[in-house]
Amino acid sequence: MPLSTQRLPFAQWMEQALFDPANGYYTSHIRTVGRQGDFSTSATASNLLGEAIAHWIFQEHKALPKVKHVIEVGGGDGSLSLSVRNSLGWWQRRSLHWHLVEASPILKKKQQERLQGSSANWHESMREALKACDGSAFIFHNELVDAFPVTVLQWNTASMSWQELWLESTAAGWQESWETLTSVESDKFSALQQWDATNPPPYDGQRIELHASYESWLQQWSPHWSAGAMVTVDYGDTFPALYHRQPRGTMRAYLLHQRLTGSAVYANMGRQDITSDVNFSDLIRWGKALQWENDPLQTQRGFLQQHIPKLSEQVATDPAAAYLTDDFGAGGAFKALVQRPSSTSL
C-alpha cells in the first residue's frame, strides 16, 4: 500500500517507523547513542550501571556456576557491554561466554567496533542466542522494553470504554483517529484490569500505552530459557503510579536530544526515536504467567546501592553518578527487575 494512503494502528505504525528494513530509525537512520546521537542512556553517561550489572553477574554466577553464558539484548553502541566486561576483570570474563542480540545493523557495527577483540558472538534473535547457550544464560538489557511498539489507548467517558489509536497518512501529515478496542487481551494488562468503571474510571481522554509486542517477544523465546537470571533496567513504574499526572500518557520522541510530544511524535517518520514508559506491573504479571520467579522491583538507585559497595564515594565526586542515583532523576525514574525461570534454583 502506498505510504500516502496508509491507515495503521499505532503499534504497526511505530513498528514501521523504528524497524522497517529500508526506512526504520533503528535499522537505517540512527547514528549512534550518546552526545553525538538523538538520545543518551545511563550506560553512555557513566560506567556506574555497567559496574553494578557486572557485580550482579558475579553474584549470580557464584550461585549458579554451571551457567557460563551472558547475553545482552539491544546493546546500543556497546558502552554498557564494555563497562560490564571491564568491571568483571580478566579472570571472570574468561570464565564466561559473551553474546549480543541486536536488531539494528548500524548499532551492531558500533558494538563490534567498540568490543573488537572481545570474542563476543552476535545473534539475530534470542532464540538463536539461547540455542548457542544451550538454554542457560544470564541476560541483561537497558532501555530495551521502552523501544518496543505499543498499542495506544484513550478512555472515552461517553461510551465508558477504551478506544485504540490509529494513524492515517494525509497531505497534512499523520492524523489520529480512534477505533473500538479489539486487538488486545485485557486480562494481560494491569491498566485494563484495575482501571475500569468501578475503581474508578480514568478521566475522559486519559491515554495509556500497552507493551503487547514485548509480551509476545517474551513468549517467543521463554520456552528456550531453562536456567540463569535476567535483569531488566528501564524507565517506568508500576500501575497506577505510572500515569500519575500523565493524562496524555507517556509517549514521546527524541531528535537531537529534544523531547517531542503530541503530533510531533508522528513527524519525521523513521528519523527519530519513539518511546514510552514501561509498566513494570505488566512485566511482573507476564513473568508469573511464564512461571518465572520475580525478585522485588527496585529503583535504579537501589540496584546500584546493592551492587556497588563504595557508591557514595563515586556519587560525591562524579556528577553523572550523582544523577544516576538521584531519586528525583534517573535513580528514581529507572527501575530494575530481576527474573528467573522456575527451573533455576539458587
C-alpha atoms as a PDB file:
ATOM      1  CA  MET A   1       0.000   0.000   0.000  1.00  0.00           C
ATOM      2  CA  PRO A   2       1.489   3.413  -0.900  1.00  0.00           C
ATOM      3  CA  LEU A   3       2.568   5.429   2.116  1.00  0.00           C
ATOM      4  CA  SER A   4       0.242   8.306   1.170  1.00  0.00           C
ATOM      5  CA  THR A   5      -2.849   6.102   1.583  1.00  0.00           C
ATOM      6  CA  GLN A   6      -1.801   4.108   4.615  1.00  0.00           C
ATOM      7  CA  ARG A   7      -4.026   3.796   7.667  1.00  0.00           C
ATOM      8  CA  LEU A   8      -2.498   1.826  10.507  1.00  0.00           C
ATOM      9  CA  PRO A   9      -2.998   1.024  14.200  1.00  0.00           C
ATOM     10  CA  PHE A  10      -0.347   2.918  16.120  1.00  0.00           C
ATOM     11  CA  ALA A  11       1.606  -0.215  17.115  1.00  0.00           C
ATOM     12  CA  GLN A  12       2.051  -1.157  13.461  1.00  0.00           C
ATOM     13  CA  TRP A  13       2.956   2.416  12.542  1.00  0.00           C
ATOM     14  CA  MET A  14       5.583   2.501  15.313  1.00  0.00           C
ATOM     15  CA  GLU A  15       6.965  -0.860  14.166  1.00  0.00           C
ATOM     16  CA  GLN A  16       7.496   0.575  10.690  1.00  0.00           C
ATOM     17  CA  ALA A  17       8.889   3.869  11.994  1.00  0.00           C
ATOM     18  CA  LEU A  18      11.523   2.123  14.089  1.00  0.00           C
ATOM     19  CA  PHE A  19      12.275  -1.168  12.348  1.00  0.00           C
ATOM     20  CA  ASP A  20      11.299  -1.012   8.664  1.00  0.00           C
ATOM     21  CA  PRO A  21      14.296  -2.619   6.884  1.00  0.00           C
ATOM     22  CA  ALA A  22      14.734   0.244   4.423  1.00  0.00           C
ATOM     23  CA  ASN A  23      13.474   3.299   6.299  1.00  0.00           C
ATOM     24  CA  GLY A  24      13.246   2.456  10.015  1.00  0.00           C
ATOM     25  CA  TYR A  25      15.007   4.582  12.617  1.00  0.00           C
ATOM     26  CA  TYR A  26      16.971   1.723  14.228  1.00  0.00           C
ATOM     27  CA  THR A  27      17.602  -0.173  11.010  1.00  0.00           C
ATOM     28  CA  SER A  28      18.640   2.709   8.757  1.00  0.00           C
ATOM     29  CA  HIS A  29      18.854   6.159  10.333  1.00  0.00           C
ATOM     30  CA  ILE A  30      20.167   6.005  13.890  1.00  0.00           C
ATOM     31  CA  ARG A  31      23.694   7.388  14.013  1.00  0.00           C
ATOM     32  CA  THR A  32      24.790   6.418  17.489  1.00  0.00           C
ATOM     33  CA  VAL A  33      23.765   6.708  21.162  1.00  0.00           C
ATOM     34  CA  GLY A  34      25.117   9.399  23.486  1.00  0.00           C
ATOM     35  CA  ARG A  35      26.114  13.011  22.950  1.00  0.00           C
ATOM     36  CA  GLN A  36      26.500  12.580  19.190  1.00  0.00           C
ATOM     37  CA  GLY A  37      23.149  10.779  18.838  1.00  0.00           C
ATOM     38  CA  ASP A  38      19.491  11.623  19.358  1.00  0.00           C
ATOM     39  CA  PHE A  39      19.424  10.415  22.964  1.00  0.00           C
ATOM     40  CA  SER A  40      21.691   9.251  25.793  1.00  0.00           C
ATOM     41  CA  THR A  41      21.372   6.290  28.131  1.00  0.00           C
ATOM     42  CA  SER A  42      22.645   5.558  31.623  1.00  0.00           C
ATOM     43  CA  ALA A  43      25.391   3.473  30.002  1.00  0.00           C
ATOM     44  CA  THR A  44      26.668   6.321  27.813  1.00  0.00           C
ATOM     45  CA  ALA A  45      26.591   8.776  30.724  1.00  0.00           C
ATOM     46  CA  SER A  46      28.617   6.700  33.187  1.00  0.00           C
ATOM     47  CA  ASN A  47      30.215   3.287  33.832  1.00  0.00           C
ATOM     48  CA  LEU A  48      28.183   3.002  37.038  1.00  0.00           C
ATOM     49  CA  LEU A  49      25.416   0.798  35.643  1.00  0.00           C
ATOM     50  CA  GLY A  50      27.993  -1.467  33.988  1.00  0.00           C
ATOM     51  CA  GLU A  51      29.768  -1.888  37.325  1.00  0.00           C
ATOM     52  CA  ALA A  52      26.508  -2.821  39.039  1.00  0.00           C
ATOM     53  CA  ILE A  53      25.469  -5.333  36.368  1.00  0.00           C
ATOM     54  CA  ALA A  54      28.966  -6.855  36.484  1.00  0.00           C
ATOM     55  CA  HIS A  55      28.602  -7.410  40.224  1.00  0.00           C
ATOM     56  CA  TRP A  56      25.105  -8.818  39.662  1.00  0.00           C
ATOM     57  CA  ILE A  57      26.513 -11.310  37.123  1.00  0.00           C
ATOM     58  CA  PHE A  58      29.326 -12.195  39.533  1.00  0.00           C
ATOM     59  CA  GLN A  59      26.841 -12.967  42.301  1.00  0.00           C
ATOM     60  CA  GLU A  60      24.510 -14.932  40.036  1.00  0.00           C
ATOM     61  CA  HIS A  61      27.410 -16.924  38.576  1.00  0.00           C
ATOM     62  CA  LYS A  62      28.698 -17.694  42.052  1.00  0.00           C
ATOM     63  CA  ALA A  63      25.276 -19.112  42.943  1.00  0.00           C
ATOM     64  CA  LEU A  64      24.874 -20.863  39.566  1.00  0.00           C
ATOM     65  CA  PRO A  65      28.395 -21.862  38.452  1.00  0.00           C
ATOM     66  CA  LYS A  66      27.071 -24.146  35.695  1.00  0.00           C
ATOM     67  CA  VAL A  67      25.632 -21.124  33.867  1.00  0.00           C
ATOM     68  CA  LYS A  68      28.528 -19.867  31.754  1.00  0.00           C
ATOM     69  CA  HIS A  69      26.878 -17.641  29.135  1.00  0.00           C
ATOM     70  CA  VAL A  70      25.929 -13.944  29.250  1.00  0.00           C
ATOM     71  CA  ILE A  71      23.515 -12.321  26.775  1.00  0.00           C
ATOM     72  CA  GLU A  72      22.992  -8.596  26.331  1.00  0.00           C
ATOM     73  CA  VAL A  73      19.932  -7.588  24.298  1.00  0.00           C
ATOM     74  CA  GLY A  74      19.823  -4.275  22.433  1.00  0.00           C
ATOM     75  CA  GLY A  75      23.271  -3.119  23.486  1.00  0.00           C
ATOM     76  CA  GLY A  76      23.222   0.380  21.951  1.00  0.00           C
ATOM     77  CA  ASP A  77      26.719   1.489  20.954  1.00  0.00           C
ATOM     78  CA  GLY A  78      28.386  -1.215  23.086  1.00  0.00           C
ATOM     79  CA  SER A  79      29.208   1.073  26.016  1.00  0.00           C
ATOM     80  CA  LEU A  80      27.319  -0.992  28.577  1.00  0.00           C
ATOM     81  CA  SER A  81      28.748  -4.320  27.440  1.00  0.00           C
ATOM     82  CA  LEU A  82      32.266  -2.900  27.527  1.00  0.00           C
ATOM     83  CA  SER A  83      31.886  -1.481  31.039  1.00  0.00           C
ATOM     84  CA  VAL A  84      30.353  -4.740  32.295  1.00  0.00           C
ATOM     85  CA  ARG A  85      33.239  -6.777  30.896  1.00  0.00           C
ATOM     86  CA  ASN A  86      35.895  -4.383  32.194  1.00  0.00           C
ATOM     87  CA  SER A  87      34.309  -4.292  35.646  1.00  0.00           C
ATOM     88  CA  LEU A  88      34.299  -8.089  35.933  1.00  0.00           C
ATOM     89  CA  GLY A  89      38.028  -8.335  35.476  1.00  0.00           C
ATOM     90  CA  TRP A  90      40.126 -10.626  33.309  1.00  0.00           C
ATOM     91  CA  TRP A  91      39.630 -13.918  35.128  1.00  0.00           C
ATOM     92  CA  GLN A  92      35.863 -13.622  35.489  1.00  0.00           C
ATOM     93  CA  ARG A  93      35.479 -12.526  31.849  1.00  0.00           C
ATOM     94  CA  ARG A  94      37.488 -15.541  30.740  1.00  0.00           C
ATOM     95  CA  SER A  95      35.160 -17.950  32.559  1.00  0.00           C
ATOM     96  CA  LEU A  96      32.078 -16.680  30.700  1.00  0.00           C
ATOM     97  CA  HIS A  97      30.943 -16.702  27.068  1.00  0.00           C
ATOM     98  CA  TRP A  98      29.512 -13.421  25.749  1.00  0.00           C
ATOM     99  CA  HIS A  99      26.609 -12.937  23.356  1.00  0.00           C
ATOM    100  CA  LEU A 100      24.767  -9.902  21.994  1.00  0.00           C
ATOM    101  CA  VAL A 101      21.345  -9.811  20.337  1.00  0.00           C
ATOM    102  CA  GLU A 102      20.956  -6.748  18.127  1.00  0.00           C
ATOM    103  CA  ALA A 103      18.286  -5.864  15.540  1.00  0.00           C
ATOM    104  CA  SER A 104      19.969  -2.691  14.287  1.00  0.00           C
ATOM    105  CA  PRO A 105      22.756  -3.263  11.739  1.00  0.00           C
ATOM    106  CA  ILE A 106      24.080   0.226  12.469  1.00  0.00           C
ATOM    107  CA  LEU A 107      24.343  -0.362  16.209  1.00  0.00           C
ATOM    108  CA  LYS A 108      25.705  -3.877  15.675  1.00  0.00           C
ATOM    109  CA  LYS A 109      28.592  -2.345  13.741  1.00  0.00           C
ATOM    110  CA  LYS A 110      29.156   0.181  16.549  1.00  0.00           C
ATOM    111  CA  GLN A 111      29.212  -2.650  19.096  1.00  0.00           C
ATOM    112  CA  GLN A 112      31.674  -4.700  17.045  1.00  0.00           C
ATOM    113  CA  GLU A 113      33.990  -1.718  16.746  1.00  0.00           C
ATOM    114  CA  ARG A 114      33.833  -0.979  20.478  1.00  0.00           C
ATOM    115  CA  LEU A 115      34.211  -4.626  21.517  1.00  0.00           C
ATOM    116  CA  GLN A 116      36.861  -5.503  18.952  1.00  0.00           C
ATOM    117  CA  GLY A 117      38.933  -8.476  20.123  1.00  0.00           C
ATOM    118  CA  SER A 118      36.451  -9.397  22.858  1.00  0.00           C
ATOM    119  CA  SER A 119      35.448 -12.810  21.427  1.00  0.00           C
ATOM    120  CA  ALA A 120      31.758 -11.909  21.705  1.00  0.00           C
ATOM    121  CA  ASN A 121      29.140 -13.545  19.484  1.00  0.00           C
ATOM    122  CA  TRP A 122      26.311 -11.660  17.767  1.00  0.00           C
ATOM    123  CA  HIS A 123      22.854 -13.130  17.114  1.00  0.00           C
ATOM    124  CA  GLU A 124      19.748 -12.063  15.214  1.00  0.00           C
ATOM    125  CA  SER A 125      17.288 -13.299  17.859  1.00  0.00           C
ATOM    126  CA  MET A 126      17.002 -14.503  21.444  1.00  0.00           C
ATOM    127  CA  ARG A 127      16.083 -17.990  20.264  1.00  0.00           C
ATOM    128  CA  GLU A 128      19.307 -18.151  18.254  1.00  0.00           C
ATOM    129  CA  ALA A 129      21.355 -16.848  21.200  1.00  0.00           C
ATOM    130  CA  LEU A 130      19.777 -19.265  23.676  1.00  0.00           C
ATOM    131  CA  LYS A 131      20.390 -22.165  21.292  1.00  0.00           C
ATOM    132  CA  ALA A 132      24.072 -21.251  21.322  1.00  0.00           C
ATOM    133  CA  CYS A 133      23.915 -21.183  25.139  1.00  0.00           C
ATOM    134  CA  ASP A 134      22.055 -24.496  25.464  1.00  0.00           C
ATOM    135  CA  GLY A 135      19.246 -22.541  27.127  1.00  0.00           C
ATOM    136  CA  SER A 136      21.371 -21.452  30.061  1.00  0.00           C
ATOM    137  CA  ALA A 137      22.328 -17.763  30.376  1.00  0.00           C
ATOM    138  CA  PHE A 138      22.435 -14.602  32.426  1.00  0.00           C
ATOM    139  CA  ILE A 139      20.584 -11.918  30.452  1.00  0.00           C
ATOM    140  CA  PHE A 140      20.673  -8.155  30.822  1.00  0.00           C
ATOM    141  CA  HIS A 141      19.267  -5.221  28.916  1.00  0.00           C
ATOM    142  CA  ASN A 142      18.994  -1.495  29.493  1.00  0.00           C
ATOM    143  CA  GLU A 143      16.329   0.707  27.862  1.00  0.00           C
ATOM    144  CA  LEU A 144      15.121  -2.134  25.654  1.00  0.00           C
ATOM    145  CA  VAL A 145      11.455  -2.533  26.590  1.00  0.00           C
ATOM    146  CA  ASP A 146      10.642   1.151  26.008  1.00  0.00           C
ATOM    147  CA  ALA A 147      11.566   0.788  22.318  1.00  0.00           C
ATOM    148  CA  PHE A 148       9.025  -1.977  21.648  1.00  0.00           C
ATOM    149  CA  PRO A 149       5.982  -0.837  19.644  1.00  0.00           C
ATOM    150  CA  VAL A 150       2.974  -0.098  21.845  1.00  0.00           C
ATOM    151  CA  THR A 151      -0.779  -0.079  21.490  1.00  0.00           C
ATOM    152  CA  VAL A 152      -2.052   3.370  22.491  1.00  0.00           C
ATOM    153  CA  LEU A 153      -5.489   3.616  24.108  1.00  0.00           C
ATOM    154  CA  GLN A 154      -7.702   6.520  25.175  1.00  0.00           C
ATOM    155  CA  TRP A 155     -10.588   6.411  27.632  1.00  0.00           C
ATOM    156  CA  ASN A 156     -13.954   7.558  26.296  1.00  0.00           C
ATOM    157  CA  THR A 157     -16.292   8.536  29.115  1.00  0.00           C
ATOM    158  CA  ALA A 158     -19.368   8.723  26.881  1.00  0.00           C
ATOM    159  CA  SER A 159     -19.078   5.037  25.922  1.00  0.00           C
ATOM    160  CA  MET A 160     -17.284   4.023  29.145  1.00  0.00           C
ATOM    161  CA  SER A 161     -14.703   2.167  27.080  1.00  0.00           C
ATOM    162  CA  TRP A 162     -11.142   2.230  25.809  1.00  0.00           C
ATOM    163  CA  GLN A 163     -10.518   3.190  22.198  1.00  0.00           C
ATOM    164  CA  GLU A 164      -7.424   2.376  20.142  1.00  0.00           C
ATOM    165  CA  LEU A 165      -5.285   4.944  18.309  1.00  0.00           C
ATOM    166  CA  TRP A 166      -4.947   4.622  14.531  1.00  0.00           C
ATOM    167  CA  LEU A 167      -2.950   6.895  12.242  1.00  0.00           C
ATOM    168  CA  GLU A 168      -3.828   7.867   8.681  1.00  0.00           C
ATOM    169  CA  SER A 169      -1.420   9.452   6.209  1.00  0.00           C
ATOM    170  CA  THR A 170      -2.826  12.659   4.697  1.00  0.00           C
ATOM    171  CA  ALA A 171      -1.434  15.627   2.814  1.00  0.00           C
ATOM    172  CA  ALA A 172      -1.196  17.436   6.160  1.00  0.00           C
ATOM    173  CA  GLY A 173       0.694  14.580   7.812  1.00  0.00           C
ATOM    174  CA  TRP A 174      -0.301  11.664  10.011  1.00  0.00           C
ATOM    175  CA  GLN A 175      -3.718  12.217  11.575  1.00  0.00           C
ATOM    176  CA  GLU A 176      -5.201  10.469  14.622  1.00  0.00           C
ATOM    177  CA  SER A 177      -8.436   8.516  14.704  1.00  0.00           C
ATOM    178  CA  TRP A 178      -9.913   6.335  17.422  1.00  0.00           C
ATOM    179  CA  GLU A 179     -11.467   2.894  16.971  1.00  0.00           C
ATOM    180  CA  THR A 180     -13.177   0.375  19.237  1.00  0.00           C
ATOM    181  CA  LEU A 181     -10.529  -1.676  21.030  1.00  0.00           C
ATOM    182  CA  THR A 182     -10.356  -5.220  19.639  1.00  0.00           C
ATOM    183  CA  SER A 183      -6.651  -6.036  19.314  1.00  0.00           C
ATOM    184  CA  VAL A 184      -5.545  -6.911  22.871  1.00  0.00           C
ATOM    185  CA  GLU A 185      -6.472  -9.371  25.620  1.00  0.00           C
ATOM    186  CA  SER A 186      -7.487  -7.166  28.532  1.00  0.00           C
ATOM    187  CA  ASP A 187      -6.556  -9.704  31.216  1.00  0.00           C
ATOM    188  CA  LYS A 188      -2.859  -9.329  30.308  1.00  0.00           C
ATOM    189  CA  PHE A 189      -2.652  -5.636  31.198  1.00  0.00           C
ATOM    190  CA  SER A 190      -2.870  -4.154  34.683  1.00  0.00           C
ATOM    191  CA  ALA A 191      -4.321  -0.831  33.483  1.00  0.00           C
ATOM    192  CA  LEU A 192      -7.235  -2.562  31.759  1.00  0.00           C
ATOM    193  CA  GLN A 193      -7.825  -4.851  34.720  1.00  0.00           C
ATOM    194  CA  GLN A 194      -7.594  -2.294  37.514  1.00  0.00           C
ATOM    195  CA  TRP A 195      -8.527   0.974  35.844  1.00  0.00           C
ATOM    196  CA  ASP A 196     -12.114   0.256  34.949  1.00  0.00           C
ATOM    197  CA  ALA A 197     -15.577   1.644  35.618  1.00  0.00           C
ATOM    198  CA  THR A 198     -15.523   0.596  39.270  1.00  0.00           C
ATOM    199  CA  ASN A 199     -12.042   1.561  40.507  1.00  0.00           C
ATOM    200  CA  PRO A 200     -12.920   4.395  39.468  1.00  0.00           C
ATOM    201  CA  PRO A 201     -12.753   5.040  35.708  1.00  0.00           C
ATOM    202  CA  PRO A 202      -9.951   7.278  34.405  1.00  0.00           C
ATOM    203  CA  TYR A 203     -10.527  10.840  33.317  1.00  0.00           C
ATOM    204  CA  ASP A 204     -12.039  11.370  29.884  1.00  0.00           C
ATOM    205  CA  GLY A 205      -9.250  11.347  27.305  1.00  0.00           C
ATOM    206  CA  GLN A 206      -6.702   9.561  29.531  1.00  0.00           C
ATOM    207  CA  ARG A 207      -4.133   7.815  27.343  1.00  0.00           C
ATOM    208  CA  ILE A 208      -2.169   4.690  28.165  1.00  0.00           C
ATOM    209  CA  GLU A 209       0.364   2.513  26.351  1.00  0.00           C
ATOM    210  CA  LEU A 210       0.388  -1.296  26.289  1.00  0.00           C
ATOM    211  CA  HIS A 211       3.633  -3.132  25.503  1.00  0.00           C
ATOM    212  CA  ALA A 212       1.848  -6.085  23.912  1.00  0.00           C
ATOM    213  CA  SER A 213       4.727  -6.594  21.476  1.00  0.00           C
ATOM    214  CA  TYR A 214       7.159  -7.107  24.358  1.00  0.00           C
ATOM    215  CA  GLU A 215       4.896  -9.740  25.899  1.00  0.00           C
ATOM    216  CA  SER A 216       4.775 -11.507  22.518  1.00  0.00           C
ATOM    217  CA  TRP A 217       8.581 -11.315  22.315  1.00  0.00           C
ATOM    218  CA  LEU A 218       8.909 -12.986  25.728  1.00  0.00           C
ATOM    219  CA  GLN A 219       6.540 -15.724  24.603  1.00  0.00           C
ATOM    220  CA  GLN A 220       8.730 -16.450  21.573  1.00  0.00           C
ATOM    221  CA  TRP A 221      11.928 -17.279  23.439  1.00  0.00           C
ATOM    222  CA  SER A 222      10.990 -18.044  27.052  1.00  0.00           C
ATOM    223  CA  PRO A 223      10.419 -21.791  26.385  1.00  0.00           C
ATOM    224  CA  HIS A 224      14.088 -21.995  25.328  1.00  0.00           C
ATOM    225  CA  TRP A 225      15.452 -20.474  28.567  1.00  0.00           C
ATOM    226  CA  SER A 226      15.972 -23.107  31.232  1.00  0.00           C
ATOM    227  CA  ALA A 227      18.469 -21.607  33.703  1.00  0.00           C
ATOM    228  CA  GLY A 228      20.002 -18.294  34.702  1.00  0.00           C
ATOM    229  CA  ALA A 229      18.595 -14.866  35.531  1.00  0.00           C
ATOM    230  CA  MET A 230      17.591 -11.702  33.671  1.00  0.00           C
ATOM    231  CA  VAL A 231      17.794  -8.093  34.817  1.00  0.00           C
ATOM    232  CA  THR A 232      15.624  -5.531  33.044  1.00  0.00           C
ATOM    233  CA  VAL A 233      16.577  -1.876  33.537  1.00  0.00           C
ATOM    234  CA  ASP A 234      14.288   0.773  32.085  1.00  0.00           C
ATOM    235  CA  TYR A 235      12.331   3.915  32.887  1.00  0.00           C
ATOM    236  CA  GLY A 236       8.789   3.457  34.126  1.00  0.00           C
ATOM    237  CA  ASP A 237       6.837   2.462  37.207  1.00  0.00           C
ATOM    238  CA  THR A 238       4.145   0.156  38.485  1.00  0.00           C
ATOM    239  CA  PHE A 239       0.468   0.848  37.869  1.00  0.00           C
ATOM    240  CA  PRO A 240      -1.241   3.169  38.763  1.00  0.00           C
ATOM    241  CA  ALA A 241       1.753   5.358  39.717  1.00  0.00           C
ATOM    242  CA  LEU A 242       2.942   5.185  36.099  1.00  0.00           C
ATOM    243  CA  TYR A 243       0.152   7.517  34.962  1.00  0.00           C
ATOM    244  CA  HIS A 244       0.063   9.862  37.942  1.00  0.00           C
ATOM    245  CA  ARG A 245      -0.306  13.350  36.421  1.00  0.00           C
ATOM    246  CA  GLN A 246       0.113  11.876  32.941  1.00  0.00           C
ATOM    247  CA  PRO A 247      -3.316  12.416  31.303  1.00  0.00           C
ATOM    248  CA  ARG A 248      -1.792  12.236  27.823  1.00  0.00           C
ATOM    249  CA  GLY A 249       0.171   9.087  28.569  1.00  0.00           C
ATOM    250  CA  THR A 250       3.952   8.811  28.322  1.00  0.00           C
ATOM    251  CA  MET A 251       4.559   8.568  24.548  1.00  0.00           C
ATOM    252  CA  ARG A 252       7.279  10.870  23.182  1.00  0.00           C
ATOM    253  CA  ALA A 253      10.031  11.059  20.566  1.00  0.00           C
ATOM    254  CA  TYR A 254      13.661  12.184  20.696  1.00  0.00           C
ATOM    255  CA  LEU A 255      15.530  14.009  17.966  1.00  0.00           C
ATOM    256  CA  LEU A 256      18.956  15.536  18.630  1.00  0.00           C
ATOM    257  CA  HIS A 257      18.234  15.271  22.374  1.00  0.00           C
ATOM    258  CA  GLN A 258      14.979  17.234  22.017  1.00  0.00           C
ATOM    259  CA  ARG A 259      11.942  15.709  23.725  1.00  0.00           C
ATOM    260  CA  LEU A 260       8.955  15.797  21.343  1.00  0.00           C
ATOM    261  CA  THR A 261       5.320  15.136  22.293  1.00  0.00           C
ATOM    262  CA  GLY A 262       1.864  15.382  20.715  1.00  0.00           C
ATOM    263  CA  SER A 263       1.707  15.487  16.922  1.00  0.00           C
ATOM    264  CA  ALA A 264       5.496  15.977  16.775  1.00  0.00           C
ATOM    265  CA  VAL A 265       5.833  12.263  17.571  1.00  0.00           C
ATOM    266  CA  TYR A 266       4.364  11.486  14.135  1.00  0.00           C
ATOM    267  CA  ALA A 267       6.660  13.843  12.231  1.00  0.00           C
ATOM    268  CA  ASN A 268       9.930  12.658  10.701  1.00  0.00           C
ATOM    269  CA  MET A 269       8.769   9.041  10.491  1.00  0.00           C
ATOM    270  CA  GLY A 270      11.848   6.833  10.652  1.00  0.00           C
ATOM    271  CA  ARG A 271      14.120   9.750  11.529  1.00  0.00           C
ATOM    272  CA  GLN A 272      13.635   9.967  15.296  1.00  0.00           C
ATOM    273  CA  ASP A 273      13.402   7.661  18.282  1.00  0.00           C
ATOM    274  CA  ILE A 274       9.948   6.894  19.728  1.00  0.00           C
ATOM    275  CA  THR A 275       9.460   5.623  23.242  1.00  0.00           C
ATOM    276  CA  SER A 276       7.103   5.301  26.215  1.00  0.00           C
ATOM    277  CA  ASP A 277       7.472   4.416  29.887  1.00  0.00           C
ATOM    278  CA  VAL A 278       7.385   0.768  30.942  1.00  0.00           C
ATOM    279  CA  ASN A 279       4.555  -0.617  33.068  1.00  0.00           C
ATOM    280  CA  PHE A 280       6.501  -2.899  35.411  1.00  0.00           C
ATOM    281  CA  SER A 281       3.262  -4.289  36.849  1.00  0.00           C
ATOM    282  CA  ASP A 282       2.744  -5.928  33.456  1.00  0.00           C
ATOM    283  CA  LEU A 283       6.313  -7.272  33.275  1.00  0.00           C
ATOM    284  CA  ILE A 284       5.872  -8.853  36.694  1.00  0.00           C
ATOM    285  CA  ARG A 285       2.480 -10.266  35.660  1.00  0.00           C
ATOM    286  CA  TRP A 286       3.908 -11.747  32.456  1.00  0.00           C
ATOM    287  CA  GLY A 287       6.809 -13.263  34.361  1.00  0.00           C
ATOM    288  CA  LYS A 288       4.405 -15.033  36.694  1.00  0.00           C
ATOM    289  CA  ALA A 289       2.414 -16.309  33.704  1.00  0.00           C
ATOM    290  CA  LEU A 290       5.648 -17.814  32.341  1.00  0.00           C
ATOM    291  CA  GLN A 291       6.249 -19.366  35.786  1.00  0.00           C
ATOM    292  CA  TRP A 292       9.292 -17.187  36.330  1.00  0.00           C
ATOM    293  CA  GLU A 293      10.354 -16.016  39.748  1.00  0.00           C
ATOM    294  CA  ASN A 294      10.291 -12.220  40.174  1.00  0.00           C
ATOM    295  CA  ASP A 295      12.627 -10.553  42.656  1.00  0.00           C
ATOM    296  CA  PRO A 296      11.222  -7.420  44.340  1.00  0.00           C
ATOM    297  CA  LEU A 297      11.250  -4.448  41.964  1.00  0.00           C
ATOM    298  CA  GLN A 298      13.983  -1.901  42.747  1.00  0.00           C
ATOM    299  CA  THR A 299      14.725   1.623  41.700  1.00  0.00           C
ATOM    300  CA  GLN A 300      17.942   2.059  39.753  1.00  0.00           C
ATOM    301  CA  ARG A 301      19.330   3.786  42.839  1.00  0.00           C
ATOM    302  CA  GLY A 302      18.534   0.719  44.941  1.00  0.00           C
ATOM    303  CA  PHE A 303      20.096  -1.625  42.386  1.00  0.00           C
ATOM    304  CA  LEU A 304      23.272   0.456  42.248  1.00  0.00           C
ATOM    305  CA  GLN A 305      23.469   0.670  46.035  1.00  0.00           C
ATOM    306  CA  GLN A 306      23.103  -3.106  46.313  1.00  0.00           C
ATOM    307  CA  HIS A 307      25.860  -3.889  43.836  1.00  0.00           C
ATOM    308  CA  ILE A 308      28.443  -1.098  44.250  1.00  0.00           C
ATOM    309  CA  PRO A 309      29.930  -1.135  47.776  1.00  0.00           C
ATOM    310  CA  LYS A 310      31.629   2.294  47.572  1.00  0.00           C
ATOM    311  CA  LEU A 311      28.857   4.009  45.643  1.00  0.00           C
ATOM    312  CA  SER A 312      28.709   7.053  47.926  1.00  0.00           C
ATOM    313  CA  GLU A 313      32.334   7.895  47.159  1.00  0.00           C
ATOM    314  CA  GLN A 314      31.650   7.915  43.412  1.00  0.00           C
ATOM    315  CA  VAL A 315      28.496   9.972  43.831  1.00  0.00           C
ATOM    316  CA  ALA A 316      30.397  12.591  45.825  1.00  0.00           C
ATOM    317  CA  THR A 317      32.923  13.196  43.047  1.00  0.00           C
ATOM    318  CA  ASP A 318      31.125  12.338  39.788  1.00  0.00           C
ATOM    319  CA  PRO A 319      28.111  14.434  38.623  1.00  0.00           C
ATOM    320  CA  ALA A 320      26.979  11.637  36.273  1.00  0.00           C
ATOM    321  CA  ALA A 321      26.992   9.154  39.138  1.00  0.00           C
ATOM    322  CA  ALA A 322      25.038  11.614  41.264  1.00  0.00           C
ATOM    323  CA  TYR A 323      22.372  11.924  38.551  1.00  0.00           C
ATOM    324  CA  LEU A 324      22.067   8.159  38.051  1.00  0.00           C
ATOM    325  CA  THR A 325      21.379   7.711  41.768  1.00  0.00           C
ATOM    326  CA  ASP A 326      19.180  10.776  42.309  1.00  0.00           C
ATOM    327  CA  ASP A 327      15.707   9.758  43.500  1.00  0.00           C
ATOM    328  CA  PHE A 328      14.320  12.740  41.576  1.00  0.00           C
ATOM    329  CA  GLY A 329      16.392  11.944  38.487  1.00  0.00           C
ATOM    330  CA  ALA A 330      17.397   8.704  36.802  1.00  0.00           C
ATOM    331  CA  GLY A 331      17.851   6.967  40.161  1.00  0.00           C
ATOM    332  CA  GLY A 332      14.111   7.029  40.767  1.00  0.00           C
ATOM    333  CA  ALA A 333      12.771   7.139  37.214  1.00  0.00           C
ATOM    334  CA  PHE A 334      14.555   3.935  36.205  1.00  0.00           C
ATOM    335  CA  LYS A 335      13.677   0.576  37.724  1.00  0.00           C
ATOM    336  CA  ALA A 336      15.459  -2.785  37.843  1.00  0.00           C
ATOM    337  CA  LEU A 337      13.611  -6.097  37.747  1.00  0.00           C
ATOM    338  CA  VAL A 338      15.343  -9.464  38.150  1.00  0.00           C
ATOM    339  CA  GLN A 339      13.513 -12.567  36.880  1.00  0.00           C
ATOM    340  CA  ARG A 340      14.444 -16.258  36.768  1.00  0.00           C
ATOM    341  CA  PRO A 341      12.989 -19.316  35.027  1.00  0.00           C
ATOM    342  CA  SER A 342      11.272 -21.610  37.524  1.00  0.00           C
ATOM    343  CA  SER A 343      13.781 -24.375  36.826  1.00  0.00           C
ATOM    344  CA  THR A 344      16.538 -22.169  38.258  1.00  0.00           C
ATOM    345  CA  SER A 345      17.147 -22.591  41.969  1.00  0.00           C
ATOM    346  CA  LEU A 346      19.636 -20.604  43.997  1.00  0.00           C
END
